[in-house]
Amino acid sequence: MLSYNKSLKQISRNLRRNMTDAETLLWAKLRGKQLKGCQFYRQKIIGSYIADFYCPKLKLVIEVDGGQHYSTEGKEKDKKRDDYMIRTGITVLRFSDREVLGNLDAVLEKIWCEP
């Protein structure tokens, strides 16, 4: 079981209640073991980070990035977070919110192709 920062629980709950349109759309395709029969969790706390979506069986994190992720500061934070996930043995896939909203089938195909 992955360790996590318990102080992030309320933030995680709030993020689940207030998902972006892109996150909501992707969640509709991931929930209920629809993809590869695998269980995904949304806004999952891993260490001191909250992943948009996490599948323990595949050791896969999926991030849906909005505009704040493309600033210099956002890119640095994402790199630090991705490095942590990789050290933990987790693969990270990142998609822009525009990709999810505009080409959901391609996003699902890329997720499907992950081992």
C-alpha atoms as a PDB file:
ATOM      1  CA  MET A   1       0.000   0.000   0.000  1.00  0.00           C
ATOM      2  CA  LEU A   2       1.255   3.461  -0.891  1.00  0.00           C
ATOM      3  CA  SER A   3       1.960   5.903   1.898  1.00  0.00           C
ATOM      4  CA  TYR A   4       0.172   9.212   1.806  1.00  0.00           C
ATOM      5  CA  ASN A   5      -0.013  12.568   3.526  1.00  0.00           C
ATOM      6  CA  LYS A   6      -3.212  12.431   5.593  1.00  0.00           C
ATOM      7  CA  SER A   7      -3.443  16.224   5.711  1.00  0.00           C
ATOM      8  CA  LEU A   8      -4.401  16.133   2.001  1.00  0.00           C
ATOM      9  CA  LYS A   9      -7.614  14.126   2.557  1.00  0.00           C
ATOM     10  CA  GLN A  10      -9.968  17.125   2.617  1.00  0.00           C
ATOM     11  CA  ILE A  11      -8.308  18.684  -0.433  1.00  0.00           C
ATOM     12  CA  SER A  12      -8.663  15.370  -2.272  1.00  0.00           C
ATOM     13  CA  ARG A  13     -12.372  15.192  -1.379  1.00  0.00           C
ATOM     14  CA  ASN A  14     -12.899  18.754  -2.589  1.00  0.00           C
ATOM     15  CA  LEU A  15     -11.144  17.982  -5.876  1.00  0.00           C
ATOM     16  CA  ARG A  16     -13.416  14.944  -6.384  1.00  0.00           C
ATOM     17  CA  ARG A  17     -16.471  17.138  -5.856  1.00  0.00           C
ATOM     18  CA  ASN A  18     -15.197  19.856  -8.199  1.00  0.00           C
ATOM     19  CA  MET A  19     -13.641  18.046 -11.149  1.00  0.00           C
ATOM     20  CA  THR A  20     -12.987  19.923 -14.381  1.00  0.00           C
ATOM     21  CA  ASP A  21     -15.056  19.135 -17.463  1.00  0.00           C
ATOM     22  CA  ALA A  22     -12.119  17.192 -18.931  1.00  0.00           C
ATOM     23  CA  GLU A  23     -11.660  15.161 -15.734  1.00  0.00           C
ATOM     24  CA  THR A  24     -15.393  14.413 -15.586  1.00  0.00           C
ATOM     25  CA  LEU A  25     -15.396  13.226 -19.202  1.00  0.00           C
ATOM     26  CA  LEU A  26     -12.380  10.962 -18.708  1.00  0.00           C
ATOM     27  CA  TRP A  27     -13.723   9.631 -15.397  1.00  0.00           C
ATOM     28  CA  ALA A  28     -16.915   8.543 -17.188  1.00  0.00           C
ATOM     29  CA  LYS A  29     -14.724   6.206 -19.288  1.00  0.00           C
ATOM     30  CA  LEU A  30     -12.433   4.971 -16.490  1.00  0.00           C
ATOM     31  CA  ARG A  31     -14.873   4.329 -13.644  1.00  0.00           C
ATOM     32  CA  GLY A  32     -16.446   0.970 -12.994  1.00  0.00           C
ATOM     33  CA  LYS A  33     -13.518  -1.023 -14.429  1.00  0.00           C
ATOM     34  CA  GLN A  34     -14.464  -0.055 -17.989  1.00  0.00           C
ATOM     35  CA  LEU A  35     -10.858   0.084 -19.190  1.00  0.00           C
ATOM     36  CA  LYS A  36      -9.011  -3.257 -19.203  1.00  0.00           C
ATOM     37  CA  GLY A  37     -11.186  -4.342 -16.282  1.00  0.00           C
ATOM     38  CA  CYS A  38      -8.989  -2.238 -14.000  1.00  0.00           C
ATOM     39  CA  GLN A  39     -10.082  -0.190 -11.007  1.00  0.00           C
ATOM     40  CA  PHE A  40      -9.188   3.494 -11.202  1.00  0.00           C
ATOM     41  CA  TYR A  41      -9.417   5.985  -8.358  1.00  0.00           C
ATOM     42  CA  ARG A  42      -9.830   9.714  -8.791  1.00  0.00           C
ATOM     43  CA  GLN A  43      -7.943  12.378  -6.872  1.00  0.00           C
ATOM     44  CA  LYS A  44      -5.834   9.705  -5.161  1.00  0.00           C
ATOM     45  CA  ILE A  45      -3.261  10.823  -2.606  1.00  0.00           C
ATOM     46  CA  ILE A  46       0.175   9.324  -3.282  1.00  0.00           C
ATOM     47  CA  GLY A  47       2.870  10.513  -0.921  1.00  0.00           C
ATOM     48  CA  SER A  48       2.473  14.289  -0.721  1.00  0.00           C
ATOM     49  CA  TYR A  49       0.746  14.565  -4.098  1.00  0.00           C
ATOM     50  CA  ILE A  50      -2.788  14.133  -5.396  1.00  0.00           C
ATOM     51  CA  ALA A  51      -3.027  12.274  -8.699  1.00  0.00           C
ATOM     52  CA  ASP A  52      -6.023  12.976 -10.932  1.00  0.00           C
ATOM     53  CA  PHE A  53      -6.491   9.240 -11.600  1.00  0.00           C
ATOM     54  CA  TYR A  54      -4.626   6.199 -10.291  1.00  0.00           C
ATOM     55  CA  CYS A  55      -4.794   2.502 -11.143  1.00  0.00           C
ATOM     56  CA  PRO A  56      -2.930   0.334  -8.612  1.00  0.00           C
ATOM     57  CA  LYS A  57      -3.019  -2.792 -10.801  1.00  0.00           C
ATOM     58  CA  LEU A  58      -1.264  -1.003 -13.668  1.00  0.00           C
ATOM     59  CA  LYS A  59       0.763   1.279 -11.356  1.00  0.00           C
ATOM     60  CA  LEU A  60      -0.440   4.092 -13.580  1.00  0.00           C
ATOM     61  CA  VAL A  61      -1.213   7.744 -12.843  1.00  0.00           C
ATOM     62  CA  ILE A  62      -3.157   9.791 -15.377  1.00  0.00           C
ATOM     63  CA  GLU A  63      -2.965  13.562 -15.165  1.00  0.00           C
ATOM     64  CA  VAL A  64      -5.256  15.967 -16.999  1.00  0.00           C
ATOM     65  CA  ASP A  65      -3.437  19.283 -17.257  1.00  0.00           C
ATOM     66  CA  GLY A  66      -5.066  22.688 -17.500  1.00  0.00           C
ATOM     67  CA  GLY A  67      -3.357  25.965 -18.349  1.00  0.00           C
ATOM     68  CA  GLN A  68      -1.522  26.347 -15.013  1.00  0.00           C
ATOM     69  CA  HIS A  69       0.627  23.320 -15.884  1.00  0.00           C
ATOM     70  CA  TYR A  70       2.253  25.114 -18.808  1.00  0.00           C
ATOM     71  CA  SER A  71       3.858  27.945 -16.848  1.00  0.00           C
ATOM     72  CA  THR A  72       7.512  27.627 -15.817  1.00  0.00           C
ATOM     73  CA  GLU A  73       6.484  27.072 -12.200  1.00  0.00           C
ATOM     74  CA  GLY A  74       3.831  24.537 -13.206  1.00  0.00           C
ATOM     75  CA  LYS A  75       6.300  22.575 -15.327  1.00  0.00           C
ATOM     76  CA  GLU A  76       8.807  22.481 -12.460  1.00  0.00           C
ATOM     77  CA  LYS A  77       6.170  21.223 -10.007  1.00  0.00           C
ATOM     78  CA  ASP A  78       5.010  18.581 -12.488  1.00  0.00           C
ATOM     79  CA  LYS A  79       8.574  17.368 -13.070  1.00  0.00           C
ATOM     80  CA  LYS A  80       9.186  17.047  -9.331  1.00  0.00           C
ATOM     81  CA  ARG A  81       5.916  15.167  -8.901  1.00  0.00           C
ATOM     82  CA  ASP A  82       6.541  12.891 -11.911  1.00  0.00           C
ATOM     83  CA  ASP A  83      10.050  12.118 -10.644  1.00  0.00           C
ATOM     84  CA  TYR A  84       8.560  11.079  -7.288  1.00  0.00           C
ATOM     85  CA  MET A  85       5.992   8.835  -8.997  1.00  0.00           C
ATOM     86  CA  ILE A  86       8.654   7.217 -11.182  1.00  0.00           C
ATOM     87  CA  ARG A  87      10.863   6.530  -8.135  1.00  0.00           C
ATOM     88  CA  THR A  88       7.821   4.866  -6.566  1.00  0.00           C
ATOM     89  CA  GLY A  89       7.473   2.615  -9.635  1.00  0.00           C
ATOM     90  CA  ILE A  90       4.463   4.417 -11.096  1.00  0.00           C
ATOM     91  CA  THR A  91       4.095   5.365 -14.762  1.00  0.00           C
ATOM     92  CA  VAL A  92       2.656   8.829 -15.404  1.00  0.00           C
ATOM     93  CA  LEU A  93       0.631   9.742 -18.478  1.00  0.00           C
ATOM     94  CA  ARG A  94      -0.185  13.409 -19.000  1.00  0.00           C
ATOM     95  CA  PHE A  95      -2.861  14.798 -21.268  1.00  0.00           C
ATOM     96  CA  SER A  96      -3.977  18.374 -21.777  1.00  0.00           C
ATOM     97  CA  ASP A  97      -7.573  19.157 -20.962  1.00  0.00           C
ATOM     98  CA  ARG A  98      -7.954  20.104 -24.634  1.00  0.00           C
ATOM     99  CA  GLU A  99      -6.786  16.629 -25.702  1.00  0.00           C
ATOM    100  CA  VAL A 100      -9.336  14.973 -23.440  1.00  0.00           C
ATOM    101  CA  LEU A 101     -12.177  17.249 -24.523  1.00  0.00           C
ATOM    102  CA  GLY A 102     -11.254  17.230 -28.217  1.00  0.00           C
ATOM    103  CA  ASN A 103     -10.007  13.704 -28.849  1.00  0.00           C
ATOM    104  CA  LEU A 104     -11.086  11.385 -26.046  1.00  0.00           C
ATOM    105  CA  ASP A 105     -10.741   8.275 -28.226  1.00  0.00           C
ATOM    106  CA  ALA A 106      -7.030   8.959 -28.825  1.00  0.00           C
ATOM    107  CA  VAL A 107      -6.503   9.530 -25.090  1.00  0.00           C
ATOM    108  CA  LEU A 108      -8.228   6.241 -24.239  1.00  0.00           C
ATOM    109  CA  GLU A 109      -6.180   4.440 -26.907  1.00  0.00           C
ATOM    110  CA  LYS A 110      -2.925   5.707 -25.391  1.00  0.00           C
ATOM    111  CA  ILE A 111      -4.044   4.602 -21.919  1.00  0.00           C
ATOM    112  CA  TRP A 112      -5.127   1.217 -23.326  1.00  0.00           C
ATOM    113  CA  CYS A 113      -1.673   0.701 -24.867  1.00  0.00           C
ATOM    114  CA  GLU A 114       0.090   1.059 -21.503  1.00  0.00           C
ATOM    115  CA  PRO A 115       1.311  -2.364 -20.312  1.00  0.00           C
END
